[in-house]
C-alpha atoms as a PDB file:
ATOM      1  CA  HIS A   1      14.144  27.688  -8.759  1.00  0.00           C
ATOM      2  CA  ASN A   2      12.202  30.852  -9.377  1.00  0.00           C
ATOM      3  CA  LEU A   3      15.055  33.164  -8.291  1.00  0.00           C
ATOM      4  CA  HIS A   4      17.796  31.254 -10.068  1.00  0.00           C
ATOM      5  CA  PRO A   5      16.280  29.078 -12.753  1.00  0.00           C
ATOM      6  CA  GLY A   6      19.594  28.083 -14.284  1.00  0.00           C
ATOM      7  CA  TYR A   7      21.090  26.694 -11.018  1.00  0.00           C
ATOM      8  CA  ILE A   8      19.338  23.414 -10.908  1.00  0.00           C
ATOM      9  CA  HIS A   9      19.892  22.768 -14.586  1.00  0.00           C
ATOM     10  CA  GLY A  10      23.654  23.484 -14.186  1.00  0.00           C
ATOM     11  CA  ARG A  11      23.982  21.214 -11.095  1.00  0.00           C
ATOM     12  CA  ILE A  12      22.155  18.367 -12.880  1.00  0.00           C
ATOM     13  CA  ASN A  13      24.427  18.740 -15.934  1.00  0.00           C
ATOM     14  CA  GLU A  14      27.465  18.708 -13.626  1.00  0.00           C
ATOM     15  CA  LEU A  15      26.383  15.343 -12.118  1.00  0.00           C
ATOM     16  CA  SER A  16      25.862  13.833 -15.548  1.00  0.00           C
ATOM     17  CA  THR A  17      25.592  10.030 -14.892  1.00  0.00           C
ATOM     18  CA  ASP A  18      28.238   9.799 -12.135  1.00  0.00           C
ATOM     19  CA  PHE A  19      25.836   8.331  -9.588  1.00  0.00           C
ATOM     20  CA  THR A  20      23.242   5.572  -9.680  1.00  0.00           C
ATOM     21  CA  LEU A  21      20.975   7.261  -7.201  1.00  0.00           C
ATOM     22  CA  ARG A  22      20.358  10.866  -7.964  1.00  0.00           C
ATOM     23  CA  ILE A  23      17.898  12.845  -5.913  1.00  0.00           C
ATOM     24  CA  LEU A  24      16.466  16.282  -6.406  1.00  0.00           C
ATOM     25  CA  LEU A  25      15.482  17.375  -2.921  1.00  0.00           C
ATOM     26  CA  THR A  26      13.186  20.384  -3.264  1.00  0.00           C
ATOM     27  CA  LEU A  27      11.870  22.798  -0.622  1.00  0.00           C
ATOM     28  CA  VAL A  28       8.506  24.077  -1.696  1.00  0.00           C
ATOM     29  CA  ASP A  29       8.267  27.576  -0.149  1.00  0.00           C
ATOM     30  CA  VAL A  30       6.064  29.436  -2.525  1.00  0.00           C
ATOM     31  CA  GLU A  31       2.164  29.575  -2.658  1.00  0.00           C
ATOM     32  CA  ASP A  32       1.862  29.372  -6.358  1.00  0.00           C
ATOM     33  CA  ASN A  33       3.936  26.223  -6.896  1.00  0.00           C
ATOM     34  CA  ALA A  34       2.093  24.323  -9.622  1.00  0.00           C
ATOM     35  CA  THR A  35       4.119  25.538 -12.605  1.00  0.00           C
ATOM     36  CA  PRO A  36       7.616  25.378 -11.028  1.00  0.00           C
ATOM     37  CA  LEU A  37       6.866  21.882  -9.674  1.00  0.00           C
ATOM     38  CA  LEU A  38       5.617  20.764 -13.058  1.00  0.00           C
ATOM     39  CA  VAL A  39       8.912  21.962 -14.679  1.00  0.00           C
ATOM     40  CA  LEU A  40      11.023  20.261 -11.932  1.00  0.00           C
ATOM     41  CA  ASN A  41       9.040  17.038 -12.264  1.00  0.00           C
ATOM     42  CA  LYS A  42       9.614  17.000 -16.030  1.00  0.00           C
ATOM     43  CA  LEU A  43      13.308  17.770 -15.540  1.00  0.00           C
ATOM     44  CA  ALA A  44      13.645  15.042 -12.951  1.00  0.00           C
ATOM     45  CA  VAL A  45      12.017  12.423 -15.202  1.00  0.00           C
ATOM     46  CA  MET A  46      14.055  13.449 -18.281  1.00  0.00           C
ATOM     47  CA  LYS A  47      17.360  13.374 -16.402  1.00  0.00           C
ATOM     48  CA  ASP A  48      16.555  10.225 -14.331  1.00  0.00           C
ATOM     49  CA  PHE A  49      16.334  11.866 -10.927  1.00  0.00           C
ATOM     50  CA  THR A  50      14.085  11.047  -8.000  1.00  0.00           C
ATOM     51  CA  LEU A  51      12.171  14.223  -7.039  1.00  0.00           C
ATOM     52  CA  ILE A  52      11.437  14.536  -3.356  1.00  0.00           C
ATOM     53  CA  LEU A  53       9.303  17.503  -2.216  1.00  0.00           C
ATOM     54  CA  CYS A  54       9.689  18.983   1.249  1.00  0.00           C
ATOM     55  CA  TRP A  55       7.206  21.441   2.687  1.00  0.00           C
ATOM     56  CA  SER A  56       9.370  22.734   5.595  1.00  0.00           C
ATOM     57  CA  ASN A  57      13.105  23.149   6.395  1.00  0.00           C
ATOM     58  CA  GLU A  58      12.767  20.528   9.138  1.00  0.00           C
ATOM     59  CA  GLU A  59      11.351  17.946   6.669  1.00  0.00           C
ATOM     60  CA  ALA A  60      14.281  18.678   4.272  1.00  0.00           C
ATOM     61  CA  ALA A  61      16.726  18.313   7.179  1.00  0.00           C
ATOM     62  CA  ARG A  62      15.219  14.864   8.136  1.00  0.00           C
ATOM     63  CA  TYR A  63      15.658  13.675   4.597  1.00  0.00           C
ATOM     64  CA  LEU A  64      19.293  14.768   4.512  1.00  0.00           C
ATOM     65  CA  GLU A  65      19.992  13.189   7.936  1.00  0.00           C
ATOM     66  CA  THR A  66      18.369   9.927   6.802  1.00  0.00           C
ATOM     67  CA  PHE A  67      20.361   9.867   3.505  1.00  0.00           C
ATOM     68  CA  LYS A  68      23.586  10.553   5.409  1.00  0.00           C
ATOM     69  CA  ALA A  69      22.868   7.792   7.865  1.00  0.00           C
ATOM     70  CA  TYR A  70      22.206   5.237   5.156  1.00  0.00           C
ATOM     71  CA  GLU A  71      24.738   6.251   2.636  1.00  0.00           C
ATOM     72  CA  SER A  72      27.304   3.619   3.514  1.00  0.00           C
ATOM     73  CA  LYS A  73      24.848   0.888   4.406  1.00  0.00           C
ATOM     74  CA  ASP A  74      23.819  -2.017   2.276  1.00  0.00           C
ATOM     75  CA  ALA A  75      20.294  -1.830   0.704  1.00  0.00           C
ATOM     76  CA  SER A  76      19.212  -4.848   2.700  1.00  0.00           C
ATOM     77  CA  SER A  77      19.197  -2.713   5.870  1.00  0.00           C
ATOM     78  CA  ILE A  78      16.087  -0.875   4.665  1.00  0.00           C
ATOM     79  CA  GLN A  79      14.443  -3.688   2.668  1.00  0.00           C
ATOM     80  CA  LYS A  80      11.617  -5.683   4.098  1.00  0.00           C
ATOM     81  CA  GLN A  81      12.882  -8.880   5.629  1.00  0.00           C
ATOM     82  CA  ALA A  82      11.490 -12.032   4.164  1.00  0.00           C
ATOM     83  CA  LYS A  83       9.439 -14.192   6.482  1.00  0.00           C
ATOM     84  CA  GLU A  84      11.104 -17.538   7.016  1.00  0.00           C
ATOM     85  CA  THR A  85       8.458 -19.815   8.462  1.00  0.00           C
ATOM     86  CA  PHE A  86       5.096 -20.675   6.946  1.00  0.00           C
ATOM     87  CA  ALA A  87       3.372 -19.248  10.087  1.00  0.00           C
ATOM     88  CA  GLU A  88       5.243 -15.975   9.706  1.00  0.00           C
ATOM     89  CA  GLN A  89       4.156 -15.791   6.057  1.00  0.00           C
ATOM     90  CA  ILE A  90       0.575 -16.436   6.961  1.00  0.00           C
ATOM     91  CA  VAL A  91       0.567 -13.778   9.675  1.00  0.00           C
ATOM     92  CA  ASP A  92       2.166 -11.382   7.143  1.00  0.00           C
ATOM     93  CA  VAL A  93      -0.676 -12.075   4.644  1.00  0.00           C
ATOM     94  CA  LEU A  94      -3.381 -11.730   7.184  1.00  0.00           C
ATOM     95  CA  THR A  95      -2.114  -8.395   8.491  1.00  0.00           C
ATOM     96  CA  CYS A  96      -2.590  -6.952   5.027  1.00  0.00           C
ATOM     97  CA  VAL A  97      -6.326  -6.896   5.845  1.00  0.00           C
ATOM     98  CA  ARG A  98      -7.133  -3.516   7.268  1.00  0.00           C
ATOM     99  CA  SER A  99      -7.302  -3.504  11.112  1.00  0.00           C
ATOM    100  CA  ILE A 100      -5.924  -7.075  11.491  1.00  0.00           C
ATOM    101  CA  ASN A 101      -2.787  -6.895  13.568  1.00  0.00           C
ATOM    102  CA  LYS A 102      -0.130  -9.612  14.284  1.00  0.00           C
ATOM    103  CA  THR A 103      -1.886 -10.716  17.488  1.00  0.00           C
ATOM    104  CA  ASP A 104      -5.176 -11.063  15.650  1.00  0.00           C
ATOM    105  CA  ALA A 105      -3.581 -12.992  12.881  1.00  0.00           C
ATOM    106  CA  THR A 106      -1.723 -15.314  15.236  1.00  0.00           C
ATOM    107  CA  GLN A 107      -5.010 -15.882  17.174  1.00  0.00           C
ATOM    108  CA  LEU A 108      -6.934 -16.704  13.979  1.00  0.00           C
ATOM    109  CA  VAL A 109      -4.275 -19.140  12.694  1.00  0.00           C
ATOM    110  CA  SER A 110      -4.092 -20.959  16.025  1.00  0.00           C
ATOM    111  CA  GLN A 111      -7.998 -21.051  16.455  1.00  0.00           C
ATOM    112  CA  PHE A 112      -8.634 -22.449  12.968  1.00  0.00           C
ATOM    113  CA  GLY A 113      -5.562 -24.552  12.530  1.00  0.00           C
ATOM    114  CA  SER A 114      -5.195 -23.989   8.809  1.00  0.00           C
ATOM    115  CA  VAL A 115      -5.589 -21.282   6.212  1.00  0.00           C
ATOM    116  CA  ARG A 116      -8.232 -23.303   4.411  1.00  0.00           C
ATOM    117  CA  ALA A 117     -10.339 -23.615   7.566  1.00  0.00           C
ATOM    118  CA  LEU A 118      -9.944 -19.864   8.238  1.00  0.00           C
ATOM    119  CA  VAL A 119     -10.903 -18.871   4.652  1.00  0.00           C
ATOM    120  CA  ASN A 120     -13.910 -21.197   4.652  1.00  0.00           C
ATOM    121  CA  ALA A 121     -15.122 -20.234   8.102  1.00  0.00           C
ATOM    122  CA  PRO A 122     -18.527 -18.545   8.289  1.00  0.00           C
ATOM    123  CA  MET A 123     -18.666 -15.062   9.788  1.00  0.00           C
ATOM    124  CA  ASP A 124     -20.189 -16.305  13.082  1.00  0.00           C
ATOM    125  CA  GLU A 125     -17.228 -18.641  13.671  1.00  0.00           C
ATOM    126  CA  LEU A 126     -14.758 -15.815  12.879  1.00  0.00           C
ATOM    127  CA  SER A 127     -16.493 -13.609  15.471  1.00  0.00           C
ATOM    128  CA  ILE A 128     -15.967 -16.171  18.224  1.00  0.00           C
ATOM    129  CA  CYS A 129     -12.195 -15.524  18.079  1.00  0.00           C
ATOM    130  CA  PRO A 130     -10.965 -13.371  21.048  1.00  0.00           C
ATOM    131  CA  GLY A 131     -10.097  -9.799  19.966  1.00  0.00           C
ATOM    132  CA  ILE A 132     -11.888 -10.071  16.553  1.00  0.00           C
ATOM    133  CA  GLY A 133     -14.833  -7.732  16.618  1.00  0.00           C
ATOM    134  CA  GLU A 134     -17.597  -7.211  14.069  1.00  0.00           C
ATOM    135  CA  LYS A 135     -15.680  -4.777  11.944  1.00  0.00           C
ATOM    136  CA  LYS A 136     -12.613  -7.028  11.685  1.00  0.00           C
ATOM    137  CA  VAL A 137     -14.809 -10.035  10.932  1.00  0.00           C
ATOM    138  CA  ARG A 138     -16.473  -8.177   8.056  1.00  0.00           C
ATOM    139  CA  ARG A 139     -13.182  -6.936   6.614  1.00  0.00           C
ATOM    140  CA  LEU A 140     -11.564 -10.318   6.915  1.00  0.00           C
ATOM    141  CA  TRP A 141     -14.564 -12.151   5.347  1.00  0.00           C
ATOM    142  CA  ASP A 142     -14.732  -9.561   2.489  1.00  0.00           C
ATOM    143  CA  ALA A 143     -11.048 -10.035   1.849  1.00  0.00           C
ATOM    144  CA  PHE A 144     -11.528 -13.812   1.451  1.00  0.00           C
ATOM    145  CA  HIS A 145     -14.860 -13.715  -0.516  1.00  0.00           C
ATOM    146  CA  LYS A 146     -15.256 -10.544  -2.437  1.00  0.00           C
ATOM    147  CA  PRO A 147     -13.647 -10.030  -5.837  1.00  0.00           C
ATOM    148  CA  PHE A 148     -10.459  -7.968  -6.075  1.00  0.00           C
ATOM    149  CA  SER A 149     -11.644  -5.711  -8.847  1.00  0.00           C
ATOM    150  CA  SER A 150     -14.804  -3.655  -9.414  1.00  0.00           C
ATOM    151  CA  LEU A 151     -15.038  -5.298 -12.893  1.00  0.00           C
ATOM    152  CA  ALA A 152     -15.242  -8.730 -11.352  1.00  0.00           C
ATOM    153  CA  ALA A 153     -17.743  -7.476  -8.786  1.00  0.00           C
ATOM    154  CA  ALA A 154     -19.931  -6.048 -11.551  1.00  0.00           C
ATOM    155  CA  LYS A 155     -19.667  -9.319 -13.498  1.00  0.00           C
ATOM    156  CA  ASN A 156     -20.660 -11.366 -10.439  1.00  0.00           C
ATOM    157  CA  LYS A 157     -23.586  -9.107  -9.744  1.00  0.00           C
ATOM    158  CA  LYS A 158     -24.807  -9.358 -13.334  1.00  0.00           C
ATOM    159  CA  GLN A 159     -24.562 -13.128 -13.150  1.00  0.00           C
ATOM    160  CA  ARG A 160     -26.581 -13.244  -9.918  1.00  0.00           C
ATOM    161  CA  MET A 161     -29.272 -11.008 -11.436  1.00  0.00           C
ATOM    162  CA  GLU A 162     -29.508 -13.262 -14.456  1.00  0.00           C
ATOM    163  CA  GLN A 163     -29.683 -16.292 -12.215  1.00  0.00           C
ATOM    164  CA  ASN A 164     -32.536 -14.654 -10.251  1.00  0.00           C
ATOM    165  CA  GLU A 165     -34.385 -13.869 -13.485  1.00  0.00           C
ATOM    166  CA  LEU A 166     -34.101 -17.530 -14.541  1.00  0.00           C
ATOM    167  CA  HIS A 167     -35.114 -18.858 -11.116  1.00  0.00           C
ATOM    168  CA  PRO A 168     -37.251 -16.256  -9.398  1.00  0.00           C
ATOM    169  CA  HIS A 169     -38.367 -16.911  -5.825  1.00  0.00           C
ATOM    170  CA  GLN A 170     -42.029 -17.845  -5.659  1.00  0.00           C
ATOM    171  CA  GLU A 171     -44.497 -16.005  -3.478  1.00  0.00           C
ATOM    172  CA  GLY A 172     -44.470 -17.456   0.075  1.00  0.00           C
ATOM    173  CA  GLU A 173     -41.276 -19.326  -0.517  1.00  0.00           C
ATOM    174  CA  GLU A 174     -38.494 -18.857   2.038  1.00  0.00           C
ATOM    175  CA  SER A 175     -35.044 -17.759   0.870  1.00  0.00           C
END
């Protein structure tokens, strides 16, 4: 782009709107690349192109090989396949929790029998499951019980503090 700045503009104008998928595959081979990449990004957005950056010739070649391999295939060949059974869907959901794999998820579902029992299980019951260590138990329990957003977490913390102010623990009272 730096050596022949008009080349990319000319090629993009030649393509016009002939294709539904238009990709600008770019090899980044200069140290000071911020300004040219900003220009190319803006151009890609304005002309409805997908900008893909490659940092080596090998990476660019892999992209070209992949595009060529999939050019005549239906989009469904690269789309995630929908899970058909309820058990498959549950395993898919549980594996979204970091470090929980399919084997762990299957073990949890079979051990607890239902999603409700699994979600409501205390941490010590979760840790009894074979293959589920302390770190996995903590992450799983947090996924089920902690709020999704930091705003919700802050709101819950504020409510707990207000609750504690209204009903403080008395000296000598066990919590």
